Protein backbone atom coordinates (compact mmCIF):
# COMPACT_ATOMS: atom_id res chain seq x y z
CA UNK A 1 8.47 8.69 -21.89
CA UNK A 2 7.35 11.42 -24.28
CA UNK A 3 3.60 11.54 -24.84
CA UNK A 4 3.01 14.55 -27.08
CA UNK A 5 4.53 17.68 -28.52
CA UNK A 6 2.90 20.75 -27.04
CA UNK A 7 2.92 24.48 -27.63
CA UNK A 8 2.47 27.17 -25.01
CA UNK A 9 -0.59 29.35 -25.43
CA UNK A 10 -0.13 33.09 -25.43
CA UNK A 11 -3.79 33.70 -24.60
CA UNK A 12 -7.22 32.27 -25.28
CA UNK A 13 -7.74 30.49 -28.60
CA UNK A 14 -10.95 32.33 -29.34
CA UNK A 15 -11.77 35.80 -28.08
CA UNK A 16 -15.45 36.43 -28.80
CA UNK A 17 -18.05 34.03 -30.14
CA UNK A 18 -21.79 33.72 -30.03
CA UNK A 19 -23.70 31.17 -27.97
CA UNK A 20 -25.97 28.46 -29.30
CA UNK A 21 -28.75 27.05 -27.17
CA UNK A 22 -28.73 23.37 -26.30
CA UNK A 23 -31.15 21.40 -24.18
CA UNK A 24 -28.39 20.11 -21.88
CA UNK A 25 -24.98 21.70 -21.27
CA UNK A 26 -21.80 19.71 -21.78
CA UNK A 27 -19.78 18.70 -18.72
CA UNK A 28 -16.04 19.05 -18.17
CA UNK A 29 -14.76 17.10 -15.18
CA UNK A 30 -11.42 16.78 -13.42
CA UNK A 31 -10.52 13.56 -11.65
CA UNK A 32 -7.56 12.46 -9.54
CA UNK A 33 -6.28 9.25 -11.12
CA UNK A 34 -3.03 8.83 -9.17
CA UNK A 35 -1.55 9.97 -5.84
CA UNK A 36 2.16 9.47 -5.18
CA UNK A 37 2.26 6.74 -7.82
CA UNK A 38 -0.73 4.84 -6.42
CA UNK A 39 -4.08 4.38 -8.15
CA UNK A 40 -5.79 2.61 -5.23
CA UNK A 41 -8.71 4.00 -3.20
CA UNK A 42 -9.34 7.11 -5.26
CA UNK A 43 -12.88 8.50 -5.11
CA UNK A 44 -13.78 10.63 -8.14
CA UNK A 45 -14.26 13.70 -5.92
CA UNK A 46 -14.00 14.79 -2.27
CA UNK A 47 -10.87 12.93 -1.26
CA UNK A 48 -8.35 13.17 1.55
CA UNK A 49 -4.77 14.19 0.71
CA UNK A 50 -1.73 15.11 2.74
CA UNK A 51 0.81 17.94 2.47
CA UNK A 52 3.47 17.03 -0.08
CA UNK A 53 1.23 14.64 -2.05
CA UNK A 54 1.70 14.60 -5.84
CA UNK A 55 -1.61 14.33 -7.72
CA UNK A 56 -2.13 13.26 -11.32
CA UNK A 57 -5.37 14.87 -12.55
CA UNK A 58 -7.08 14.12 -15.85
CA UNK A 59 -9.76 16.22 -17.55
CA UNK A 60 -12.73 14.73 -19.38
CA UNK A 61 -15.67 15.86 -21.50
CA UNK A 62 -19.12 14.30 -21.81
CA UNK A 63 -22.74 15.02 -22.81
CA UNK A 64 -22.29 17.61 -25.56
CA UNK A 65 -24.98 16.25 -27.90
CA UNK A 66 -26.37 17.25 -30.34
CA UNK A 67 -23.44 19.50 -31.33
CA UNK A 68 -20.17 18.44 -32.99
CA UNK A 69 -17.08 19.45 -31.01
CA UNK A 70 -14.28 21.00 -33.06
CA UNK A 71 -12.32 22.99 -30.46
CA UNK A 72 -11.95 22.91 -26.70
CA UNK A 73 -10.03 24.94 -24.16
CA UNK A 74 -10.00 24.82 -20.39
CA UNK A 75 -8.16 26.62 -17.63
CA UNK A 76 -7.88 25.71 -13.99
CA UNK A 77 -9.07 28.56 -11.79
CA UNK A 78 -5.98 29.81 -10.00
CA UNK A 79 -7.99 31.19 -7.08
CA UNK A 80 -9.28 27.69 -6.32
CA UNK A 81 -5.69 26.59 -5.71
CA UNK A 82 -5.72 28.86 -2.65
CA UNK A 83 -9.24 28.05 -1.47
CA UNK A 84 -8.20 26.08 1.62
CA UNK A 85 -7.56 27.34 5.13
CA UNK A 86 -3.79 27.66 4.67
CA UNK A 87 -1.23 27.15 1.92
CA UNK A 88 -1.59 26.34 -1.77
CA UNK A 89 -2.08 23.61 -4.32
CA UNK A 90 0.47 24.20 -7.09
CA UNK A 91 1.76 22.79 -10.36
CA UNK A 92 4.01 19.86 -9.48
CA UNK A 93 7.74 19.80 -10.06
CA UNK A 94 8.42 16.32 -11.40
CA UNK A 95 11.87 14.79 -10.82
CA UNK A 96 13.91 13.47 -13.73
CA UNK A 97 17.36 12.31 -14.79
CA UNK A 98 16.87 12.63 -18.57
CA UNK A 99 14.42 14.13 -21.07
CA UNK A 100 12.62 10.82 -21.55
CA UNK A 101 11.50 10.95 -17.92
CA UNK A 102 9.36 14.01 -18.72
CA UNK A 103 5.97 14.26 -20.40
CA UNK A 104 4.84 16.40 -23.31
CA UNK A 105 7.54 18.58 -24.89
CA UNK A 106 9.23 19.08 -21.54
CA UNK A 107 12.94 18.58 -21.14
CA UNK A 108 14.86 17.58 -18.03
CA UNK A 109 16.34 20.76 -16.61
CA UNK A 110 18.91 19.40 -14.19
CA UNK A 111 16.90 17.24 -11.79
CA UNK A 112 13.39 18.56 -12.58
CA UNK A 113 11.22 18.51 -15.70
CA UNK A 114 10.41 21.86 -17.25
CA UNK A 115 6.92 23.08 -16.36
CA UNK A 116 5.37 21.54 -19.49
CA UNK A 117 6.09 18.13 -18.01
CA UNK A 118 3.34 18.72 -15.44
CA UNK A 119 0.78 19.98 -17.98
CA UNK A 120 0.23 18.04 -21.19
CA UNK A 121 -2.17 16.32 -23.58
CA UNK A 122 -1.38 12.77 -24.57
CA UNK A 123 -1.40 12.02 -28.27
CA UNK A 124 -4.78 10.75 -29.51
CA UNK A 125 -3.27 7.51 -30.81
CA UNK A 126 -1.91 6.85 -27.32
CA UNK A 127 -5.30 7.33 -25.66
CA UNK A 128 -8.27 5.32 -27.02
CA UNK A 129 -10.60 7.60 -25.04
CA UNK A 130 -9.17 10.85 -26.42
CA UNK A 131 -11.71 13.30 -27.84
CA UNK A 132 -9.81 13.49 -31.14
CA UNK A 133 -8.65 9.86 -31.31
CA UNK A 134 -7.70 8.82 -34.83
CA UNK A 135 -7.97 12.37 -36.15
CA UNK A 136 -5.47 15.06 -37.03
CA UNK A 137 -5.50 17.79 -34.39
CA UNK A 138 -3.31 20.45 -32.85
CA UNK A 139 -3.13 20.98 -29.11
CA UNK A 140 -1.40 23.28 -26.68
CA UNK A 141 -0.69 23.75 -22.99
CA UNK A 142 0.07 26.91 -21.05
CA UNK A 143 2.43 26.97 -18.10
CA UNK A 144 4.46 30.08 -18.90
CA UNK A 145 2.11 32.96 -19.79
CA UNK A 146 0.74 35.58 -17.44
CA UNK A 147 -2.41 33.54 -16.98
CA UNK A 148 -0.36 30.50 -16.04
CA UNK A 149 1.70 32.51 -13.58
CA UNK A 150 -1.59 33.32 -11.84
CA UNK A 151 -2.23 29.58 -11.55
CA UNK A 152 -4.73 29.52 -14.43
CA UNK A 153 -3.01 26.60 -16.17
CA UNK A 154 -4.49 25.91 -19.61
CA UNK A 155 -5.08 23.06 -22.05
CA UNK A 156 -6.53 23.36 -25.57
CA UNK A 157 -7.11 21.25 -28.67
CA UNK A 158 -8.44 21.89 -32.19
CA UNK A 159 -9.56 19.31 -34.73
CA UNK A 160 -8.08 19.79 -38.22
CA UNK A 161 -9.10 16.72 -40.16
CA UNK A 162 -12.48 15.92 -41.71
CA UNK A 163 -15.18 15.32 -40.65
CA UNK A 164 -15.32 18.71 -38.96
CA UNK A 165 -16.52 17.82 -35.54
CA UNK A 166 -16.79 14.97 -33.04
CA UNK A 167 -20.26 13.60 -32.19
CA UNK A 168 -21.26 12.58 -28.68
CA UNK A 169 -21.24 8.77 -28.49
CA UNK A 170 -22.28 8.68 -24.84
CA UNK A 171 -18.79 8.05 -23.48
CA UNK A 172 -16.61 10.53 -21.62
CA UNK A 173 -13.55 11.73 -23.54
CA UNK A 174 -10.02 12.52 -22.38
CA UNK A 175 -8.86 16.15 -22.77
CA UNK A 176 -5.58 16.51 -20.91
CA UNK A 177 -3.47 15.93 -17.80
CA UNK A 178 -2.09 18.10 -15.00
CA UNK A 179 0.22 17.14 -12.16
CA UNK A 180 -0.44 19.13 -8.99
CA UNK A 181 1.32 19.14 -5.64
CA UNK A 182 -0.18 19.79 -2.20
CA UNK A 183 1.88 22.48 -0.48
CA UNK A 184 3.73 21.52 2.69
CA UNK A 185 1.81 24.15 4.68
CA UNK A 186 -1.55 23.43 3.04
CA UNK A 187 -4.54 22.75 5.27
CA UNK A 188 -8.33 22.68 5.05
CA UNK A 189 -10.55 21.88 2.08
CA UNK A 190 -9.64 23.08 -1.42
CA UNK A 191 -12.47 23.17 -4.00
CA UNK A 192 -10.70 23.06 -7.37
CA UNK A 193 -12.63 24.15 -10.43
CA UNK A 194 -12.33 25.50 -13.96
CA UNK A 195 -11.97 29.19 -14.73
CA UNK A 196 -15.54 30.22 -15.56
CA UNK A 197 -14.63 32.70 -18.24
CA UNK A 198 -15.77 32.12 -21.86
CA UNK A 199 -12.47 33.46 -23.17
CA UNK A 200 -10.56 30.76 -21.32
CA UNK A 201 -12.84 27.73 -20.84
CA UNK A 202 -15.06 26.86 -23.78
CA UNK A 203 -16.25 24.38 -26.40
CA UNK A 204 -16.77 25.28 -30.06
CA UNK A 205 -18.82 23.33 -32.57
CA UNK A 206 -18.09 22.79 -36.27
CA UNK A 207 -19.47 26.27 -37.03
CA UNK A 208 -17.25 27.91 -34.38
CA UNK A 209 -20.29 28.48 -32.19
CA UNK A 210 -20.02 28.01 -28.44
CA UNK A 211 -21.51 24.95 -26.76
CA UNK A 212 -22.96 25.68 -23.27
CA UNK A 213 -21.05 24.19 -20.35
CA UNK A 214 -22.20 22.91 -16.98
CA UNK A 215 -20.01 24.55 -14.35
CA UNK A 216 -21.13 22.39 -11.43
CA UNK A 217 -18.24 19.90 -11.54
CA UNK A 218 -15.55 20.49 -8.90
CA UNK A 219 -12.86 18.47 -7.18
CA UNK A 220 -12.50 18.90 -3.41
CA UNK A 221 -9.25 18.02 -1.66
CA UNK A 222 -9.47 17.68 2.14
CA UNK A 223 -5.88 18.22 3.29
CA UNK A 224 -5.06 16.38 6.51
CA UNK A 225 -8.69 15.40 7.22
CA UNK A 226 -9.39 12.41 9.51
CA UNK A 227 -9.37 9.24 7.43
CA UNK A 228 -8.88 6.38 9.87
CA UNK A 229 -9.80 3.60 7.42
CA UNK A 230 -7.52 4.91 4.66
CA UNK A 231 -10.16 5.02 1.92
CA UNK A 232 -9.34 8.71 1.18
CA UNK A 233 -12.87 9.75 2.14
CA UNK A 234 -13.17 11.94 5.27
CA UNK A 235 -14.46 9.95 8.23
CA UNK A 236 -17.45 12.26 8.74
CA UNK A 237 -18.50 11.70 5.12
CA UNK A 238 -18.09 7.92 5.51
CA UNK A 239 -20.57 8.10 8.39
CA UNK A 240 -23.08 10.58 6.94
CA UNK A 241 -23.15 8.77 3.59
CA UNK A 242 -23.68 5.40 5.25
CA UNK A 243 -20.40 3.85 4.06
CA UNK A 244 -19.39 3.36 7.71
CA UNK A 245 -21.40 2.98 10.92
CA UNK A 246 -20.82 4.90 14.13
CA UNK A 247 -22.97 3.17 16.73
CA UNK A 248 -21.39 5.04 19.67
CA UNK A 249 -21.83 8.41 17.90
CA UNK A 250 -18.23 9.36 18.72
CA UNK A 251 -17.43 10.59 15.19
CA UNK A 252 -15.18 7.60 14.42
CA UNK A 253 -16.23 4.75 12.10
CA UNK A 254 -16.89 1.53 14.00
CA UNK A 255 -14.27 -0.41 12.02
CA UNK A 256 -11.62 2.02 13.25
CA UNK A 257 -12.73 1.72 16.89
CA UNK A 258 -12.40 -2.05 16.54
CA UNK A 259 -9.04 -1.87 14.72
CA UNK A 260 -7.51 0.37 17.38
CA UNK A 261 -8.89 -1.65 20.29
CA UNK A 262 -11.19 1.14 21.47
CA UNK A 263 -14.03 -1.35 21.04
CA UNK A 264 -14.10 -5.13 21.22
CA UNK A 265 -15.69 -7.36 18.59
CA UNK A 266 -15.66 -10.82 20.11
CA UNK A 267 -17.89 -12.43 17.49
CA UNK A 268 -16.09 -10.76 14.55
CA UNK A 269 -19.22 -9.35 12.94
CA UNK A 270 -17.83 -5.84 12.56
CA UNK A 271 -20.14 -4.35 15.21
CA UNK A 272 -18.62 -3.17 18.52
CA UNK A 273 -19.73 -5.42 21.38
CA UNK A 274 -21.14 -2.48 23.35
CA UNK A 275 -23.52 -1.82 20.47
CA UNK A 276 -24.73 -5.38 20.14
CA UNK A 277 -28.42 -6.10 20.72
CA UNK A 278 -29.07 -9.47 22.35
CA UNK A 279 -30.93 -11.57 19.80
CA UNK A 280 -34.35 -12.98 20.60
CA UNK A 281 -34.03 -16.78 20.93
CA UNK A 282 -35.31 -18.56 17.88
CA UNK A 283 -38.47 -20.60 18.25
CA UNK A 284 -38.82 -23.82 16.25
CA UNK A 285 -42.02 -24.87 14.51
CA UNK A 286 -42.68 -27.44 17.26
CA UNK A 287 -42.13 -24.74 19.82
CA UNK A 288 -44.76 -22.59 18.14
CA UNK A 289 -47.24 -25.51 18.15
CA UNK A 290 -46.61 -26.22 21.83
CA UNK A 291 -46.97 -22.53 22.69
CA UNK A 292 -50.27 -22.36 20.81
CA UNK A 293 -51.59 -25.44 22.65
CA UNK A 294 -50.55 -23.97 25.98
CA UNK A 295 -52.37 -20.70 25.19
CA UNK A 296 -55.46 -22.61 24.06
CA UNK A 297 -55.44 -24.73 27.23
CA UNK A 298 -55.06 -21.64 29.41
CA UNK A 299 -57.98 -20.01 27.62
CA UNK A 300 -60.20 -23.05 28.30
CA UNK A 301 -59.29 -23.14 32.00
CA UNK A 302 -60.03 -19.42 32.27
CA UNK A 303 -63.38 -19.93 30.54
CA UNK A 304 -64.45 -22.67 32.98
CA UNK A 305 -63.43 -20.52 35.93
CA UNK A 306 -65.54 -17.63 34.67
CA UNK A 307 -68.60 -19.89 34.21
CA UNK A 308 -68.27 -21.12 37.81
CA UNK A 309 -68.19 -17.59 39.10
CA UNK A 310 -71.29 -16.80 37.10
CA UNK A 311 -73.11 -19.71 38.81
């Protein structure tokens, strides 16, 4: 299904612009929203993937107050696509049988969508959370220029209609979508991030002044990392963050030891039997009263014995 008409960028939208000072910088984030057609068990960052996985990534903007956003552009840093131990993360090649199977302005070229099908911005009226929802805007994607060939894939949008600028209403806003694919020989941890270059990744306000950006947001893909419980979080992070226990300190979450039969769990409480602590028998209220009387009686007997010894 077609989502939007897009144009390829030939370079950055804005070359040089001055900076305005804001108390807090705006934040652009990238989030994996789908892997191989599934939306289940997807942490917002630091997730486990496998070679060959197809990832749908969406970009969002938040916290740009008190400015009014008129223009945005972002580029994925191509060097981050090679930041793992081996291999690459690359723009996905999406299969198709006809043009309607492709996104954006992409056509079906034989059995694969043209590159624009993996890099697009959905129309504002199709996305209630779009930055420019309900407003006339132009937008563009870049998958063919020299920058894109370096892996610096780009997305940009400019507001045309009045009022000139979008205020921050406290909610994150959709900016665009990229489909990426984990290379078959990829391994290690890839820290994906935006190209930190003001000619390529920027926000402009209604006076064409730059809005400061927070560059701290990244997306880390752990290719082939141990993930025995299938929650797409590395097992060591499950343990260190307290989401799983590891009572034997063997580096494997307890629930996996139980599931594989490495540990027994006879009472079904989720704790390996070898890690169980025998509970102290409960004492009833009557038991406490009887114990107190016994202690009091023993104290009296001891007192009489001491007096006899004293003569």
